[in-house]
C-alpha atoms as a PDB file:
ATOM      1  CA  MET A   1      74.821 114.124 112.303  1.00  0.00           C
ATOM      2  CA  ARG A   2      75.419 111.948 109.286  1.00  0.00           C
ATOM      3  CA  ILE A   3      78.946 110.755 108.509  1.00  0.00           C
ATOM      4  CA  LEU A   4      80.323 109.788 105.099  1.00  0.00           C
ATOM      5  CA  PHE A   5      83.724 108.187 104.536  1.00  0.00           C
ATOM      6  CA  HIS A   6      86.019 108.592 101.534  1.00  0.00           C
ATOM      7  CA  LYS A   7      87.673 105.394 100.301  1.00  0.00           C
ATOM      8  CA  LYS A   8      91.068 106.810 101.346  1.00  0.00           C
ATOM      9  CA  PHE A   9      89.816 107.268 104.904  1.00  0.00           C
ATOM     10  CA  LYS A  10      88.569 103.657 104.963  1.00  0.00           C
ATOM     11  CA  LYS A  11      91.917 102.457 103.576  1.00  0.00           C
ATOM     12  CA  GLN A  12      93.820 104.345 106.281  1.00  0.00           C
ATOM     13  CA  VAL A  13      91.571 102.939 109.018  1.00  0.00           C
ATOM     14  CA  ALA A  14      92.263  99.416 107.726  1.00  0.00           C
ATOM     15  CA  LYS A  15      96.012 100.202 107.796  1.00  0.00           C
ATOM     16  CA  TYR A  16      95.846 100.830 111.570  1.00  0.00           C
ATOM     17  CA  PRO A  17      93.711  98.016 113.061  1.00  0.00           C
ATOM     18  CA  PHE A  18      95.112  98.735 116.547  1.00  0.00           C
ATOM     19  CA  LEU A  19      93.234 102.075 116.434  1.00  0.00           C
ATOM     20  CA  LYS A  20      89.809 100.598 115.575  1.00  0.00           C
ATOM     21  CA  ILE A  21      88.313 101.107 119.050  1.00  0.00           C
ATOM     22  CA  GLN A  22      89.642 104.670 119.371  1.00  0.00           C
ATOM     23  CA  ILE A  23      88.404 105.598 115.881  1.00  0.00           C
ATOM     24  CA  ASP A  24      84.941 104.190 116.570  1.00  0.00           C
ATOM     25  CA  GLU A  25      84.755 106.012 119.913  1.00  0.00           C
ATOM     26  CA  ARG A  26      85.790 109.340 118.377  1.00  0.00           C
ATOM     27  CA  ILE A  27      83.355 108.999 115.466  1.00  0.00           C
ATOM     28  CA  ILE A  28      80.502 108.343 117.919  1.00  0.00           C
ATOM     29  CA  LEU A  29      81.618 111.292 120.027  1.00  0.00           C
ATOM     30  CA  PHE A  30      81.768 113.436 116.869  1.00  0.00           C
ATOM     31  CA  MET A  31      78.266 112.375 115.841  1.00  0.00           C
ATOM     32  CA  ASN A  32      76.898 113.448 119.230  1.00  0.00           C
ATOM     33  CA  ASP A  33      78.936 116.654 119.552  1.00  0.00           C
ATOM     34  CA  PRO A  34      81.327 117.607 116.712  1.00  0.00           C
ATOM     35  CA  PHE A  35      82.973 120.234 118.906  1.00  0.00           C
ATOM     36  CA  HIS A  36      83.503 118.149 122.055  1.00  0.00           C
ATOM     37  CA  PRO A  37      86.754 119.297 123.739  1.00  0.00           C
ATOM     38  CA  LEU A  38      88.354 115.827 123.468  1.00  0.00           C
ATOM     39  CA  LEU A  39      88.204 116.080 119.686  1.00  0.00           C
ATOM     40  CA  ASN A  40      90.161 119.341 119.503  1.00  0.00           C
ATOM     41  CA  ASN A  41      88.165 120.161 116.370  1.00  0.00           C
ATOM     42  CA  HIS A  42      89.890 122.952 114.447  1.00  0.00           C
ATOM     43  CA  PRO A  43      90.135 124.394 110.925  1.00  0.00           C
ATOM     44  CA  LEU A  44      93.158 123.645 108.783  1.00  0.00           C
ATOM     45  CA  THR A  45      95.311 125.822 106.551  1.00  0.00           C
ATOM     46  CA  GLY A  46      97.734 125.254 103.697  1.00  0.00           C
ATOM     47  CA  LYS A  47      96.959 122.324 101.425  1.00  0.00           C
ATOM     48  CA  TRP A  48      94.040 121.395 103.725  1.00  0.00           C
ATOM     49  CA  ILE A  49      92.327 124.794 103.700  1.00  0.00           C
ATOM     50  CA  GLY A  50      88.563 124.342 103.940  1.00  0.00           C
ATOM     51  CA  TYR A  51      88.923 121.135 105.939  1.00  0.00           C
ATOM     52  CA  ARG A  52      88.904 120.518 109.666  1.00  0.00           C
ATOM     53  CA  SER A  53      90.807 118.094 111.900  1.00  0.00           C
ATOM     54  CA  VAL A  54      89.816 116.078 114.969  1.00  0.00           C
ATOM     55  CA  ASN A  55      92.030 114.063 117.296  1.00  0.00           C
ATOM     56  CA  ILE A  56      91.782 110.291 117.263  1.00  0.00           C
ATOM     57  CA  THR A  57      94.669 109.787 119.710  1.00  0.00           C
ATOM     58  CA  GLY A  58      97.559 111.969 120.797  1.00  0.00           C
ATOM     59  CA  ASP A  59      99.262 111.685 117.401  1.00  0.00           C
ATOM     60  CA  TYR A  60      96.538 110.455 115.014  1.00  0.00           C
ATOM     61  CA  ARG A  61      94.163 112.875 113.309  1.00  0.00           C
ATOM     62  CA  ALA A  62      91.097 112.546 111.110  1.00  0.00           C
ATOM     63  CA  ILE A  63      90.442 115.170 108.449  1.00  0.00           C
ATOM     64  CA  TYR A  64      86.929 116.017 107.330  1.00  0.00           C
ATOM     65  CA  GLU A  65      84.764 118.696 105.819  1.00  0.00           C
ATOM     66  CA  PHE A  66      81.164 119.655 106.389  1.00  0.00           C
ATOM     67  CA  VAL A  67      79.302 119.075 103.114  1.00  0.00           C
ATOM     68  CA  LYS A  68      76.016 120.145 104.694  1.00  0.00           C
ATOM     69  CA  GLU A  69      75.186 121.495 108.114  1.00  0.00           C
ATOM     70  CA  ASP A  70      74.441 117.992 109.397  1.00  0.00           C
ATOM     71  CA  VAL A  71      76.710 115.924 107.111  1.00  0.00           C
ATOM     72  CA  ALA A  72      80.469 115.429 107.597  1.00  0.00           C
ATOM     73  CA  PHE A  73      82.715 113.796 104.980  1.00  0.00           C
ATOM     74  CA  PHE A  74      85.839 112.199 106.457  1.00  0.00           C
ATOM     75  CA  VAL A  75      88.574 112.153 103.818  1.00  0.00           C
ATOM     76  CA  ASP A  76      91.824 111.078 105.495  1.00  0.00           C
ATOM     77  CA  MET A  77      93.364 109.798 108.712  1.00  0.00           C
ATOM     78  CA  ASP A  78      96.995 109.381 109.703  1.00  0.00           C
ATOM     79  CA  THR A  79      99.640 110.641 112.087  1.00  0.00           C
ATOM     80  CA  HIS A  80     100.021 114.364 112.549  1.00  0.00           C
ATOM     81  CA  SER A  81     103.432 114.386 110.837  1.00  0.00           C
ATOM     82  CA  ASN A  82     102.246 112.344 107.833  1.00  0.00           C
ATOM     83  CA  LEU A  83      99.204 114.534 107.229  1.00  0.00           C
ATOM     84  CA  TYR A  84     100.857 117.905 107.591  1.00  0.00           C
ATOM     85  CA  GLN A  85     104.267 117.465 105.965  1.00  0.00           C
END
């Protein structure tokens, strides 16, 4: 699995340095198994239709889309309430 990161995703990661270890762990887990139960990988609706979400922590989510079968493009990351308001 290849992972690409949008500049907004990188900016959000830099905004939350206390989550660096958790983000790295979840990205590695995603690369090995995108549908691992810990990730709670699920499709989104509304303004995020066509995208999917994975859990970083209990409240933080990463949003991505598959651009190819083996390529994921992570576009945003933030708290659940900030992403889905």
